[in-house]
Amino acid sequence: MDGWILDKVITMENCINNAINNLTITGGLAENYPNDRGGGMLLIASNPTLTHVIISGNTADYSGGGMYLDSSNPTLILSLIHL
């Protein structure tokens, strides 16, 4: 899934017991406060399971270029977060 450097790729808020499988998340961009966190994936009060997921090539102005967690606890299985 490619954000084409236009916006965040995935945002999950209040999502419990969701799953993402076999996906590459790339090209995400988080910029301009308050949207400057979590270029690839922004999780707010969410606990997804990510299996065989690659998060790579995403950026953020403030924090969490690949993934930003706010009150979240994802489970990563055979997954990679890379700059």
Protein backbone atom coordinates (compact mmCIF):
# COMPACT_ATOMS: atom_id res chain seq x y z
CA MET A 1 0.00 0.00 0.00
CA ASP A 2 1.70 3.23 -1.14
CA GLY A 3 0.88 6.68 0.23
CA TRP A 4 2.75 8.36 -2.65
CA ILE A 5 4.25 10.83 -0.11
CA LEU A 6 0.83 12.53 0.14
CA ASP A 7 -0.41 11.52 3.60
CA LYS A 8 -0.36 8.78 6.23
CA VAL A 9 -0.91 5.32 4.81
CA ILE A 10 -2.99 3.74 7.63
CA THR A 11 -4.70 5.33 10.65
CA MET A 12 -6.45 3.15 13.23
CA GLU A 13 -8.36 4.70 16.12
CA ASN A 14 -10.19 2.65 18.76
CA CYS A 15 -9.64 -0.54 16.76
CA ILE A 16 -9.41 -3.64 18.90
CA ASN A 17 -8.59 -7.14 17.60
CA ASN A 18 -8.06 -6.11 13.98
CA ALA A 19 -5.53 -7.88 11.77
CA ILE A 20 -3.38 -6.85 8.83
CA ASN A 21 -1.67 -9.65 6.90
CA ASN A 22 0.83 -9.83 4.01
CA LEU A 23 1.12 -6.10 3.31
CA THR A 24 3.89 -3.60 2.56
CA ILE A 25 3.24 -0.07 3.84
CA THR A 26 5.38 2.55 2.11
CA GLY A 27 5.42 6.15 0.90
CA GLY A 28 3.63 7.60 3.94
CA LEU A 29 4.16 11.20 4.99
CA ALA A 30 3.02 12.79 8.25
CA GLU A 31 3.57 16.55 8.29
CA ASN A 32 2.26 19.76 9.80
CA TYR A 33 1.20 19.76 13.46
CA PRO A 34 -0.96 18.09 14.77
CA ASN A 35 -0.77 15.54 11.92
CA ASP A 36 3.02 15.16 12.07
CA ARG A 37 3.19 11.65 13.58
CA GLY A 38 2.99 8.17 12.07
CA GLY A 39 3.79 8.40 8.36
CA GLY A 40 3.32 4.70 7.67
CA MET A 41 0.88 3.84 10.42
CA LEU A 42 -0.76 5.85 13.21
CA LEU A 43 -2.34 3.82 16.01
CA ILE A 44 -4.55 5.52 18.60
CA ALA A 45 -6.05 3.28 21.30
CA SER A 46 -5.70 0.32 18.93
CA ASN A 47 -4.25 -3.17 19.26
CA PRO A 48 -3.99 -4.77 15.82
CA THR A 49 -2.05 -7.90 14.95
CA LEU A 50 0.36 -7.38 12.05
CA THR A 51 1.55 -10.58 10.36
CA HIS A 52 4.06 -10.57 7.49
CA VAL A 53 3.88 -6.77 7.28
CA ILE A 54 6.75 -4.59 6.07
CA ILE A 55 6.70 -0.91 7.00
CA SER A 56 9.43 0.88 5.06
CA GLY A 57 10.13 4.18 3.32
CA ASN A 58 7.80 6.40 5.39
CA THR A 59 8.55 9.76 7.06
CA ALA A 60 7.13 12.07 9.72
CA ASP A 61 7.99 15.66 10.66
CA TYR A 62 7.85 14.98 14.41
CA SER A 63 7.90 11.29 15.33
CA GLY A 64 7.11 7.79 14.17
CA GLY A 65 8.04 7.83 10.52
CA GLY A 66 7.20 4.13 10.26
CA MET A 67 4.70 3.76 13.11
CA TYR A 68 3.49 6.02 15.92
CA LEU A 69 1.73 4.53 18.95
CA ASP A 70 -0.64 6.48 21.19
CA SER A 71 -2.13 4.27 23.93
CA SER A 72 -1.71 1.30 21.60
CA ASN A 73 -0.10 -2.14 21.83
CA PRO A 74 0.18 -3.87 18.45
CA THR A 75 1.37 -7.45 18.07
CA LEU A 76 3.94 -7.92 15.30
CA ILE A 77 4.49 -11.43 13.94
CA LEU A 78 7.24 -11.92 11.36
CA SER A 79 7.00 -8.20 10.53
CA LEU A 80 9.59 -5.49 9.90
CA ILE A 81 9.70 -1.74 10.52
CA HIS A 82 12.52 -0.17 8.54
CA LEU A 83 13.57 3.39 7.68
